[in-house]
Full PDB file with SEQRES, HELIX, SHEET, SSBOND, CRYST1, ORIGX, SCALE, CONECT and MASTER records, all heavy atoms in Angstrom:
SEQRES   1 A   42  VAL ALA ALA GLY GLU PHE ILE PRO THR LEU ASP LYS GLN          
SEQRES   2 A   42  ALA ALA ASN VAL ILE ARG LEU ALA ALA MET LEU ALA ARG          
SEQRES   3 A   42  SER ASN HIS PRO VAL ALA SER MET ARG LEU ARG ASP VAL          
SEQRES   4 A   42  ALA ASN ASP                                                  
HELIX    1 AA1 LYS A   12  ALA A   25  1                                  14    
HELIX    2 AA2 PRO A   30  ASN A   41  1                                  12    
CRYST1    1.000    1.000    1.000  90.00  90.00  90.00 P 1           1          
ORIGX1      1.000000  0.000000  0.000000        0.00000                         
ORIGX2      0.000000  1.000000  0.000000        0.00000                         
ORIGX3      0.000000  0.000000  1.000000        0.00000                         
SCALE1      1.000000  0.000000  0.000000        0.00000                         
SCALE2      0.000000  1.000000  0.000000        0.00000                         
SCALE3      0.000000  0.000000  1.000000        0.00000                         
ATOM      1  N   VAL A   1     107.728 110.010  65.068  1.00  0.00           N  
ATOM      2  CA  VAL A   1     108.279 109.329  66.204  1.00  0.00           C  
ATOM      3  C   VAL A   1     108.674 110.434  67.243  1.00  0.00           C  
ATOM      4  O   VAL A   1     108.382 110.239  68.429  1.00  0.00           O  
ATOM      5  CB  VAL A   1     109.483 108.437  65.920  1.00  0.00           C  
ATOM      6  CG1 VAL A   1     110.208 107.984  67.131  1.00  0.00           C  
ATOM      7  CG2 VAL A   1     108.957 107.196  65.102  1.00  0.00           C  
ATOM      8  N   ALA A   2     109.326 111.456  66.838  1.00  0.00           N  
ATOM      9  CA  ALA A   2     109.781 112.526  67.697  1.00  0.00           C  
ATOM     10  C   ALA A   2     108.578 113.198  68.384  1.00  0.00           C  
ATOM     11  O   ALA A   2     108.718 113.660  69.542  1.00  0.00           O  
ATOM     12  CB  ALA A   2     110.615 113.549  67.006  1.00  0.00           C  
ATOM     13  N   ALA A   3     107.445 113.204  67.748  1.00  0.00           N  
ATOM     14  CA  ALA A   3     106.223 113.807  68.282  1.00  0.00           C  
ATOM     15  C   ALA A   3     105.558 112.886  69.191  1.00  0.00           C  
ATOM     16  O   ALA A   3     104.519 113.254  69.787  1.00  0.00           O  
ATOM     17  CB  ALA A   3     105.273 114.291  67.119  1.00  0.00           C  
ATOM     18  N   GLY A   4     106.015 111.657  69.356  1.00  0.00           N  
ATOM     19  CA  GLY A   4     105.413 110.723  70.267  1.00  0.00           C  
ATOM     20  C   GLY A   4     104.409 109.783  69.607  1.00  0.00           C  
ATOM     21  O   GLY A   4     103.700 109.062  70.379  1.00  0.00           O  
ATOM     22  N   GLU A   5     104.320 109.841  68.341  1.00  0.00           N  
ATOM     23  CA  GLU A   5     103.313 108.955  67.636  1.00  0.00           C  
ATOM     24  C   GLU A   5     103.898 107.620  67.546  1.00  0.00           C  
ATOM     25  O   GLU A   5     105.086 107.354  67.261  1.00  0.00           O  
ATOM     26  CB  GLU A   5     103.114 109.470  66.168  1.00  0.00           C  
ATOM     27  CG  GLU A   5     102.049 108.736  65.468  1.00  0.00           C  
ATOM     28  CD  GLU A   5     101.822 109.416  64.082  1.00  0.00           C  
ATOM     29  OE1 GLU A   5     101.949 110.636  63.954  1.00  0.00           O  
ATOM     30  OE2 GLU A   5     101.383 108.623  63.153  1.00  0.00           O  
ATOM     31  N   PHE A   6     103.075 106.556  67.796  1.00  0.00           N  
ATOM     32  CA  PHE A   6     103.470 105.160  67.735  1.00  0.00           C  
ATOM     33  C   PHE A   6     103.429 104.759  66.247  1.00  0.00           C  
ATOM     34  O   PHE A   6     102.407 104.978  65.556  1.00  0.00           O  
ATOM     35  CB  PHE A   6     102.465 104.275  68.570  1.00  0.00           C  
ATOM     36  CG  PHE A   6     102.696 102.864  68.388  1.00  0.00           C  
ATOM     37  CD1 PHE A   6     103.872 102.241  68.968  1.00  0.00           C  
ATOM     38  CD2 PHE A   6     101.823 102.011  67.728  1.00  0.00           C  
ATOM     39  CE1 PHE A   6     104.121 100.877  68.905  1.00  0.00           C  
ATOM     40  CE2 PHE A   6     102.044 100.682  67.606  1.00  0.00           C  
ATOM     41  CZ  PHE A   6     103.232 100.127  68.218  1.00  0.00           C  
ATOM     42  N   ILE A   7     104.414 104.077  65.794  1.00  0.00           N  
ATOM     43  CA  ILE A   7     104.543 103.595  64.407  1.00  0.00           C  
ATOM     44  C   ILE A   7     104.439 102.143  64.509  1.00  0.00           C  
ATOM     45  O   ILE A   7     105.532 101.398  64.707  1.00  0.00           O  
ATOM     46  CB  ILE A   7     105.815 104.117  63.748  1.00  0.00           C  
ATOM     47  CG1 ILE A   7     106.017 105.550  63.934  1.00  0.00           C  
ATOM     48  CG2 ILE A   7     105.853 103.718  62.251  1.00  0.00           C  
ATOM     49  CD1 ILE A   7     105.088 106.436  63.181  1.00  0.00           C  
ATOM     50  N   PRO A   8     103.311 101.440  64.164  1.00  0.00           N  
ATOM     51  CA  PRO A   8     103.211 100.064  64.317  1.00  0.00           C  
ATOM     52  C   PRO A   8     103.927  99.304  63.268  1.00  0.00           C  
ATOM     53  O   PRO A   8     104.263  98.110  63.541  1.00  0.00           O  
ATOM     54  CB  PRO A   8     101.638  99.760  64.130  1.00  0.00           C  
ATOM     55  CG  PRO A   8     101.169 100.963  63.360  1.00  0.00           C  
ATOM     56  CD  PRO A   8     102.030 102.109  63.732  1.00  0.00           C  
ATOM     57  N   THR A   9     104.261  99.813  62.139  1.00  0.00           N  
ATOM     58  CA  THR A   9     104.897  99.077  61.078  1.00  0.00           C  
ATOM     59  C   THR A   9     106.403  99.478  60.979  1.00  0.00           C  
ATOM     60  O   THR A   9     106.984  99.382  59.848  1.00  0.00           O  
ATOM     61  CB  THR A   9     104.233  99.410  59.688  1.00  0.00           C  
ATOM     62  OG1 THR A   9     104.292 100.850  59.513  1.00  0.00           O  
ATOM     63  CG2 THR A   9     102.811  98.862  59.691  1.00  0.00           C  
ATOM     64  N   LEU A  10     106.983  99.754  62.118  1.00  0.00           N  
ATOM     65  CA  LEU A  10     108.477 100.082  62.066  1.00  0.00           C  
ATOM     66  C   LEU A  10     109.235  98.935  61.569  1.00  0.00           C  
ATOM     67  O   LEU A  10     109.030  97.772  62.046  1.00  0.00           O  
ATOM     68  CB  LEU A  10     108.773 100.466  63.531  1.00  0.00           C  
ATOM     69  CG  LEU A  10     110.248 101.223  63.700  1.00  0.00           C  
ATOM     70  CD1 LEU A  10     110.119 102.575  62.989  1.00  0.00           C  
ATOM     71  CD2 LEU A  10     110.525 101.393  65.129  1.00  0.00           C  
ATOM     72  N   ASP A  11     110.168  99.121  60.654  1.00  0.00           N  
ATOM     73  CA  ASP A  11     110.989  98.103  60.117  1.00  0.00           C  
ATOM     74  C   ASP A  11     112.459  98.442  60.371  1.00  0.00           C  
ATOM     75  O   ASP A  11     112.808  99.468  60.891  1.00  0.00           O  
ATOM     76  CB  ASP A  11     110.710  97.830  58.626  1.00  0.00           C  
ATOM     77  CG  ASP A  11     110.890  99.086  57.788  1.00  0.00           C  
ATOM     78  OD1 ASP A  11     111.568 100.132  58.250  1.00  0.00           O  
ATOM     79  OD2 ASP A  11     110.456  99.017  56.627  1.00  0.00           O  
ATOM     80  N   LYS A  12     113.351  97.526  59.904  1.00  0.00           N  
ATOM     81  CA  LYS A  12     114.759  97.661  60.126  1.00  0.00           C  
ATOM     82  C   LYS A  12     115.340  98.962  59.460  1.00  0.00           C  
ATOM     83  O   LYS A  12     116.143  99.669  60.036  1.00  0.00           O  
ATOM     84  CB  LYS A  12     115.465  96.462  59.521  1.00  0.00           C  
ATOM     85  CG  LYS A  12     117.002  96.425  59.640  1.00  0.00           C  
ATOM     86  CD  LYS A  12     117.610  95.184  59.104  1.00  0.00           C  
ATOM     87  CE  LYS A  12     119.086  95.227  59.110  1.00  0.00           C  
ATOM     88  NZ  LYS A  12     119.667  94.044  58.545  1.00  0.00           N  
ATOM     89  N   GLN A  13     114.800  99.286  58.250  1.00  0.00           N  
ATOM     90  CA  GLN A  13     115.268 100.475  57.601  1.00  0.00           C  
ATOM     91  C   GLN A  13     114.852 101.721  58.421  1.00  0.00           C  
ATOM     92  O   GLN A  13     115.818 102.517  58.677  1.00  0.00           O  
ATOM     93  CB  GLN A  13     114.570 100.588  56.171  1.00  0.00           C  
ATOM     94  CG  GLN A  13     114.946 101.877  55.382  1.00  0.00           C  
ATOM     95  CD  GLN A  13     114.135 102.005  54.123  1.00  0.00           C  
ATOM     96  OE1 GLN A  13     112.990 101.772  54.145  1.00  0.00           O  
ATOM     97  NE2 GLN A  13     114.840 102.413  53.108  1.00  0.00           N  
ATOM     98  N   ALA A  14     113.654 101.835  58.763  1.00  0.00           N  
ATOM     99  CA  ALA A  14     113.164 102.981  59.588  1.00  0.00           C  
ATOM    100  C   ALA A  14     113.891 103.081  60.952  1.00  0.00           C  
ATOM    101  O   ALA A  14     114.349 104.106  61.356  1.00  0.00           O  
ATOM    102  CB  ALA A  14     111.651 102.943  59.815  1.00  0.00           C  
ATOM    103  N   ALA A  15     114.139 101.975  61.644  1.00  0.00           N  
ATOM    104  CA  ALA A  15     114.791 101.972  62.895  1.00  0.00           C  
ATOM    105  C   ALA A  15     116.227 102.415  62.842  1.00  0.00           C  
ATOM    106  O   ALA A  15     116.662 103.162  63.659  1.00  0.00           O  
ATOM    107  CB  ALA A  15     114.722 100.521  63.496  1.00  0.00           C  
ATOM    108  N   ASN A  16     116.933 102.011  61.828  1.00  0.00           N  
ATOM    109  CA  ASN A  16     118.355 102.516  61.503  1.00  0.00           C  
ATOM    110  C   ASN A  16     118.302 103.952  61.282  1.00  0.00           C  
ATOM    111  O   ASN A  16     119.223 104.705  61.812  1.00  0.00           O  
ATOM    112  CB  ASN A  16     118.917 101.666  60.445  1.00  0.00           C  
ATOM    113  CG  ASN A  16     119.531 100.406  60.937  1.00  0.00           C  
ATOM    114  OD1 ASN A  16     120.535 100.375  61.600  1.00  0.00           O  
ATOM    115  ND2 ASN A  16     118.838  99.313  60.692  1.00  0.00           N  
ATOM    116  N   VAL A  17     117.415 104.450  60.517  1.00  0.00           N  
ATOM    117  CA  VAL A  17     117.412 105.935  60.141  1.00  0.00           C  
ATOM    118  C   VAL A  17     116.955 106.687  61.404  1.00  0.00           C  
ATOM    119  O   VAL A  17     117.514 107.804  61.653  1.00  0.00           O  
ATOM    120  CB  VAL A  17     116.492 106.225  58.960  1.00  0.00           C  
ATOM    121  CG1 VAL A  17     116.422 107.634  58.744  1.00  0.00           C  
ATOM    122  CG2 VAL A  17     117.172 105.535  57.703  1.00  0.00           C  
ATOM    123  N   ILE A  18     116.047 106.135  62.151  1.00  0.00           N  
ATOM    124  CA  ILE A  18     115.568 106.847  63.406  1.00  0.00           C  
ATOM    125  C   ILE A  18     116.766 106.976  64.379  1.00  0.00           C  
ATOM    126  O   ILE A  18     117.006 107.999  64.979  1.00  0.00           O  
ATOM    127  CB  ILE A  18     114.466 106.088  64.009  1.00  0.00           C  
ATOM    128  CG1 ILE A  18     113.139 106.382  63.229  1.00  0.00           C  
ATOM    129  CG2 ILE A  18     114.222 106.505  65.442  1.00  0.00           C  
ATOM    130  CD1 ILE A  18     112.004 105.493  63.563  1.00  0.00           C  
ATOM    131  N   ARG A  19     117.569 105.915  64.448  1.00  0.00           N  
ATOM    132  CA  ARG A  19     118.734 105.940  65.268  1.00  0.00           C  
ATOM    133  C   ARG A  19     119.674 107.012  64.825  1.00  0.00           C  
ATOM    134  O   ARG A  19     120.284 107.748  65.660  1.00  0.00           O  
ATOM    135  CB  ARG A  19     119.474 104.581  65.271  1.00  0.00           C  
ATOM    136  CG  ARG A  19     120.692 104.501  66.085  1.00  0.00           C  
ATOM    137  CD  ARG A  19     121.277 103.012  65.995  1.00  0.00           C  
ATOM    138  NE  ARG A  19     122.653 103.017  66.474  1.00  0.00           N  
ATOM    139  CZ  ARG A  19     123.766 103.234  65.748  1.00  0.00           C  
ATOM    140  NH1 ARG A  19     123.604 103.487  64.407  1.00  0.00           N  
ATOM    141  NH2 ARG A  19     124.896 103.206  66.289  1.00  0.00           N  
ATOM    142  N   LEU A  20     119.958 107.125  63.576  1.00  0.00           N  
ATOM    143  CA  LEU A  20     120.849 108.105  63.032  1.00  0.00           C  
ATOM    144  C   LEU A  20     120.273 109.520  63.310  1.00  0.00           C  
ATOM    145  O   LEU A  20     120.954 110.448  63.670  1.00  0.00           O  
ATOM    146  CB  LEU A  20     120.979 107.942  61.504  1.00  0.00           C  
ATOM    147  CG  LEU A  20     121.743 109.081  60.774  1.00  0.00           C  
ATOM    148  CD1 LEU A  20     123.190 109.227  61.291  1.00  0.00           C  
ATOM    149  CD2 LEU A  20     121.728 108.831  59.296  1.00  0.00           C  
ATOM    150  N   ALA A  21     118.923 109.681  63.160  1.00  0.00           N  
ATOM    151  CA  ALA A  21     118.318 110.986  63.376  1.00  0.00           C  
ATOM    152  C   ALA A  21     118.420 111.395  64.859  1.00  0.00           C  
ATOM    153  O   ALA A  21     118.672 112.576  65.196  1.00  0.00           O  
ATOM    154  CB  ALA A  21     116.772 110.890  62.980  1.00  0.00           C  
ATOM    155  N   ALA A  22     118.329 110.400  65.710  1.00  0.00           N  
ATOM    156  CA  ALA A  22     118.536 110.729  67.228  1.00  0.00           C  
ATOM    157  C   ALA A  22     119.920 111.331  67.416  1.00  0.00           C  
ATOM    158  O   ALA A  22     120.073 112.320  68.179  1.00  0.00           O  
ATOM    159  CB  ALA A  22     118.435 109.438  67.987  1.00  0.00           C  
ATOM    160  N   MET A  23     120.948 110.740  66.776  1.00  0.00           N  
ATOM    161  CA  MET A  23     122.285 111.286  66.980  1.00  0.00           C  
ATOM    162  C   MET A  23     122.407 112.694  66.308  1.00  0.00           C  
ATOM    163  O   MET A  23     123.023 113.622  66.962  1.00  0.00           O  
ATOM    164  CB  MET A  23     123.359 110.345  66.298  1.00  0.00           C  
ATOM    165  CG  MET A  23     123.502 109.036  67.051  1.00  0.00           C  
ATOM    166  SD  MET A  23     124.689 108.028  66.409  1.00  0.00           S  
ATOM    167  CE  MET A  23     123.929 107.340  64.917  1.00  0.00           C  
ATOM    168  N   LEU A  24     121.896 112.922  65.177  1.00  0.00           N  
ATOM    169  CA  LEU A  24     121.970 114.188  64.485  1.00  0.00           C  
ATOM    170  C   LEU A  24     121.097 115.262  65.172  1.00  0.00           C  
ATOM    171  O   LEU A  24     121.483 116.466  65.056  1.00  0.00           O  
ATOM    172  CB  LEU A  24     121.519 114.043  63.036  1.00  0.00           C  
ATOM    173  CG  LEU A  24     122.383 113.181  62.158  1.00  0.00           C  
ATOM    174  CD1 LEU A  24     121.808 113.018  60.806  1.00  0.00           C  
ATOM    175  CD2 LEU A  24     123.821 113.760  62.091  1.00  0.00           C  
ATOM    176  N   ALA A  25     120.040 114.933  65.797  1.00  0.00           N  
ATOM    177  CA  ALA A  25     119.123 115.931  66.421  1.00  0.00           C  
ATOM    178  C   ALA A  25     119.521 116.217  67.914  1.00  0.00           C  
ATOM    179  O   ALA A  25     118.972 117.181  68.443  1.00  0.00           O  
ATOM    180  CB  ALA A  25     117.696 115.350  66.434  1.00  0.00           C  
ATOM    181  N   ARG A  26     120.453 115.541  68.423  1.00  0.00           N  
ATOM    182  CA  ARG A  26     120.830 115.709  69.828  1.00  0.00           C  
ATOM    183  C   ARG A  26     121.086 117.145  70.296  1.00  0.00           C  
ATOM    184  O   ARG A  26     120.571 117.570  71.308  1.00  0.00           O  
ATOM    185  CB  ARG A  26     121.976 114.828  70.178  1.00  0.00           C  
ATOM    186  CG  ARG A  26     122.377 114.708  71.633  1.00  0.00           C  
ATOM    187  CD  ARG A  26     123.445 113.700  71.947  1.00  0.00           C  
ATOM    188  NE  ARG A  26     124.220 113.356  70.795  1.00  0.00           N  
ATOM    189  CZ  ARG A  26     124.544 112.094  70.508  1.00  0.00           C  
ATOM    190  NH1 ARG A  26     124.220 111.127  71.349  1.00  0.00           N  
ATOM    191  NH2 ARG A  26     125.276 111.773  69.466  1.00  0.00           N  
ATOM    192  N   SER A  27     121.821 117.885  69.504  1.00  0.00           N  
ATOM    193  CA  SER A  27     122.172 119.254  69.960  1.00  0.00           C  
ATOM    194  C   SER A  27     121.033 120.240  69.766  1.00  0.00           C  
ATOM    195  O   SER A  27     120.874 121.113  70.666  1.00  0.00           O  
ATOM    196  CB  SER A  27     123.423 119.748  69.254  1.00  0.00           C  
ATOM    197  OG  SER A  27     123.267 119.853  67.836  1.00  0.00           O  
ATOM    198  N   ASN A  28     120.290 120.171  68.722  1.00  0.00           N  
ATOM    199  CA  ASN A  28     119.243 121.193  68.454  1.00  0.00           C  
ATOM    200  C   ASN A  28     117.857 120.738  68.958  1.00  0.00           C  
ATOM    201  O   ASN A  28     116.993 121.628  69.203  1.00  0.00           O  
ATOM    202  CB  ASN A  28     119.128 121.438  66.949  1.00  0.00           C  
ATOM    203  CG  ASN A  28     120.309 122.181  66.358  1.00  0.00           C  
ATOM    204  OD1 ASN A  28     121.035 122.821  67.123  1.00  0.00           O  
ATOM    205  ND2 ASN A  28     120.488 122.037  65.110  1.00  0.00           N  
ATOM    206  N   HIS A  29     117.655 119.505  69.106  1.00  0.00           N  
ATOM    207  CA  HIS A  29     116.328 119.002  69.515  1.00  0.00           C  
ATOM    208  C   HIS A  29     116.488 117.855  70.550  1.00  0.00           C  
ATOM    209  O   HIS A  29     116.240 116.702  70.169  1.00  0.00           O  
ATOM    210  CB  HIS A  29     115.568 118.511  68.309  1.00  0.00           C  
ATOM    211  CG  HIS A  29     115.475 119.493  67.213  1.00  0.00           C  
ATOM    212  ND1 HIS A  29     114.519 120.625  67.229  1.00  0.00           N  
ATOM    213  CD2 HIS A  29     116.184 119.623  66.050  1.00  0.00           C  
ATOM    214  CE1 HIS A  29     114.709 121.278  66.151  1.00  0.00           C  
ATOM    215  NE2 HIS A  29     115.651 120.661  65.404  1.00  0.00           N  
ATOM    216  N   PRO A  30     117.004 118.121  71.775  1.00  0.00           N  
ATOM    217  CA  PRO A  30     117.321 117.081  72.711  1.00  0.00           C  
ATOM    218  C   PRO A  30     116.151 116.147  73.101  1.00  0.00           C  
ATOM    219  O   PRO A  30     116.306 114.970  73.251  1.00  0.00           O  
ATOM    220  CB  PRO A  30     117.839 117.838  73.894  1.00  0.00           C  
ATOM    221  CG  PRO A  30     117.471 119.235  73.772  1.00  0.00           C  
ATOM    222  CD  PRO A  30     117.251 119.526  72.336  1.00  0.00           C  
ATOM    223  N   VAL A  31     114.963 116.720  73.240  1.00  0.00           N  
ATOM    224  CA  VAL A  31     113.804 115.920  73.683  1.00  0.00           C  
ATOM    225  C   VAL A  31     113.442 114.946  72.472  1.00  0.00           C  
ATOM    226  O   VAL A  31     113.194 113.802  72.779  1.00  0.00           O  
ATOM    227  CB  VAL A  31     112.635 116.794  74.137  1.00  0.00           C  
ATOM    228  CG1 VAL A  31     111.347 115.944  74.314  1.00  0.00           C  
ATOM    229  CG2 VAL A  31     112.981 117.622  75.258  1.00  0.00           C  
ATOM    230  N   ALA A  32     113.401 115.567  71.258  1.00  0.00           N  
ATOM    231  CA  ALA A  32     113.074 114.676  70.188  1.00  0.00           C  
ATOM    232  C   ALA A  32     114.175 113.624  69.937  1.00  0.00           C  
ATOM    233  O   ALA A  32     113.850 112.459  69.664  1.00  0.00           O  
ATOM    234  CB  ALA A  32     113.075 115.541  68.826  1.00  0.00           C  
ATOM    235  N   SER A  33     115.430 113.987  70.244  1.00  0.00           N  
ATOM    236  CA  SER A  33     116.490 112.989  70.094  1.00  0.00           C  
ATOM    237  C   SER A  33     116.303 111.828  71.112  1.00  0.00           C  
ATOM    238  O   SER A  33     116.489 110.685  70.716  1.00  0.00           O  
ATOM    239  CB  SER A  33     117.762 113.658  70.405  1.00  0.00           C  
ATOM    240  OG  SER A  33     118.829 112.774  70.448  1.00  0.00           O  
ATOM    241  N   MET A  34     115.922 112.154  72.356  1.00  0.00           N  
ATOM    242  CA  MET A  34     115.658 111.042  73.258  1.00  0.00           C  
ATOM    243  C   MET A  34     114.516 110.133  72.839  1.00  0.00           C  
ATOM    244  O   MET A  34     114.614 108.915  73.014  1.00  0.00           O  
ATOM    245  CB  MET A  34     115.392 111.655  74.672  1.00  0.00           C  
ATOM    246  CG  MET A  34     116.631 112.190  75.382  1.00  0.00           C  
ATOM    247  SD  MET A  34     116.340 112.738  77.044  1.00  0.00           S  
ATOM    248  CE  MET A  34     114.993 113.967  76.884  1.00  0.00           C  
ATOM    249  N   ARG A  35     113.449 110.675  72.333  1.00  0.00           N  
ATOM    250  CA  ARG A  35     112.359 109.863  71.850  1.00  0.00           C  
ATOM    251  C   ARG A  35     112.799 108.955  70.680  1.00  0.00           C  
ATOM    252  O   ARG A  35     112.484 107.799  70.668  1.00  0.00           O  
ATOM    253  CB  ARG A  35     111.234 110.709  71.433  1.00  0.00           C  
ATOM    254  CG  ARG A  35     110.384 111.339  72.519  1.00  0.00           C  
ATOM    255  CD  ARG A  35     109.264 112.098  72.050  1.00  0.00           C  
ATOM    256  NE  ARG A  35     108.566 112.792  73.152  1.00  0.00           N  
ATOM    257  CZ  ARG A  35     107.973 113.991  73.019  1.00  0.00           C  
ATOM    258  NH1 ARG A  35     107.954 114.602  71.888  1.00  0.00           N  
ATOM    259  NH2 ARG A  35     107.385 114.466  74.077  1.00  0.00           N  
ATOM    260  N   LEU A  36     113.514 109.593  69.765  1.00  0.00           N  
ATOM    261  CA  LEU A  36     113.994 108.818  68.621  1.00  0.00           C  
ATOM    262  C   LEU A  36     114.944 107.689  69.052  1.00  0.00           C  
ATOM    263  O   LEU A  36     114.837 106.546  68.626  1.00  0.00           O  
ATOM    264  CB  LEU A  36     114.749 109.778  67.720  1.00  0.00           C  
ATOM    265  CG  LEU A  36     113.880 110.807  66.914  1.00  0.00           C  
ATOM    266  CD1 LEU A  36     114.730 111.872  66.327  1.00  0.00           C  
ATOM    267  CD2 LEU A  36     113.070 110.055  65.839  1.00  0.00           C  
ATOM    268  N   ARG A  37     115.869 108.017  69.968  1.00  0.00           N  
ATOM    269  CA  ARG A  37     116.775 106.998  70.479  1.00  0.00           C  
ATOM    270  C   ARG A  37     116.123 105.923  71.196  1.00  0.00           C  
ATOM    271  O   ARG A  37     116.385 104.706  70.911  1.00  0.00           O  
ATOM    272  CB  ARG A  37     117.729 107.638  71.496  1.00  0.00           C  
ATOM    273  CG  ARG A  37     118.835 106.740  71.978  1.00  0.00           C  
ATOM    274  CD  ARG A  37     119.564 107.245  73.202  1.00  0.00           C  
ATOM    275  NE  ARG A  37     118.522 107.333  74.300  1.00  0.00           N  
ATOM    276  CZ  ARG A  37     118.553 108.325  75.170  1.00  0.00           C  
ATOM    277  NH1 ARG A  37     119.390 109.315  75.063  1.00  0.00           N  
ATOM    278  NH2 ARG A  37     117.559 108.362  76.081  1.00  0.00           N  
ATOM    279  N   ASP A  38     115.067 106.199  71.992  1.00  0.00           N  
ATOM    280  CA  ASP A  38     114.360 105.146  72.676  1.00  0.00           C  
ATOM    281  C   ASP A  38     113.640 104.262  71.784  1.00  0.00           C  
ATOM    282  O   ASP A  38     113.656 103.010  71.989  1.00  0.00           O  
ATOM    283  CB  ASP A  38     113.373 105.774  73.733  1.00  0.00           C  
ATOM    284  CG  ASP A  38     114.089 106.564  74.907  1.00  0.00           C  
ATOM    285  OD1 ASP A  38     115.325 106.305  75.082  1.00  0.00           O  
ATOM    286  OD2 ASP A  38     113.455 107.264  75.602  1.00  0.00           O  
ATOM    287  N   VAL A  39     112.943 104.780  70.795  1.00  0.00           N  
ATOM    288  CA  VAL A  39     112.204 104.007  69.807  1.00  0.00           C  
ATOM    289  C   VAL A  39     113.184 103.104  69.004  1.00  0.00           C  
ATOM    290  O   VAL A  39     112.904 101.832  68.857  1.00  0.00           O  
ATOM    291  CB  VAL A  39     111.382 104.879  68.888  1.00  0.00           C  
ATOM    292  CG1 VAL A  39     110.861 104.138  67.662  1.00  0.00           C  
ATOM    293  CG2 VAL A  39     110.219 105.449  69.704  1.00  0.00           C  
ATOM    294  N   ALA A  40     114.277 103.605  68.608  1.00  0.00           N  
ATOM    295  CA  ALA A  40     115.267 102.790  67.880  1.00  0.00           C  
ATOM    296  C   ALA A  40     115.800 101.677  68.778  1.00  0.00           C  
ATOM    297  O   ALA A  40     115.906 100.563  68.402  1.00  0.00           O  
ATOM    298  CB  ALA A  40     116.400 103.657  67.354  1.00  0.00           C  
ATOM    299  N   ASN A  41     116.174 102.018  70.008  1.00  0.00           N  
ATOM    300  CA  ASN A  41     116.722 101.035  70.920  1.00  0.00           C  
ATOM    301  C   ASN A  41     115.669  99.931  71.189  1.00  0.00           C  
ATOM    302  O   ASN A  41     116.012  98.746  71.235  1.00  0.00           O  
ATOM    303  CB  ASN A  41     117.207 101.621  72.227  1.00  0.00           C  
ATOM    304  CG  ASN A  41     118.405 102.443  72.044  1.00  0.00           C  
ATOM    305  OD1 ASN A  41     119.188 102.302  71.071  1.00  0.00           O  
ATOM    306  ND2 ASN A  41     118.710 103.369  73.018  1.00  0.00           N  
ATOM    307  N   ASP A  42     114.409 100.341  71.324  1.00  0.00           N  
ATOM    308  CA  ASP A  42     113.352  99.332  71.600  1.00  0.00           C  
ATOM    309  C   ASP A  42     113.250  98.424  70.428  1.00  0.00           C  
ATOM    310  O   ASP A  42     113.048  97.198  70.598  1.00  0.00           O  
ATOM    311  CB  ASP A  42     111.994 100.030  71.837  1.00  0.00           C  
ATOM    312  CG  ASP A  42     111.961 100.720  73.199  1.00  0.00           C  
ATOM    313  OD1 ASP A  42     112.796 100.459  74.043  1.00  0.00           O  
ATOM    314  OD2 ASP A  42     110.952 101.486  73.393  1.00  0.00           O  
TER     315      ASP A  42                                                      
MASTER        0    0    0    2    0    0    0    6  314    1    0    4          
END                                                                             
């Protein structure tokens, strides 16, 4: 997801973990964090 790949089978489990990853990656990987956050929010 952080690399911009579309995941067609995203489920509740993955979306929740992606949201967490966005928070954890914010300081070291800000661009990846934004992509992760946007996908989870969507």
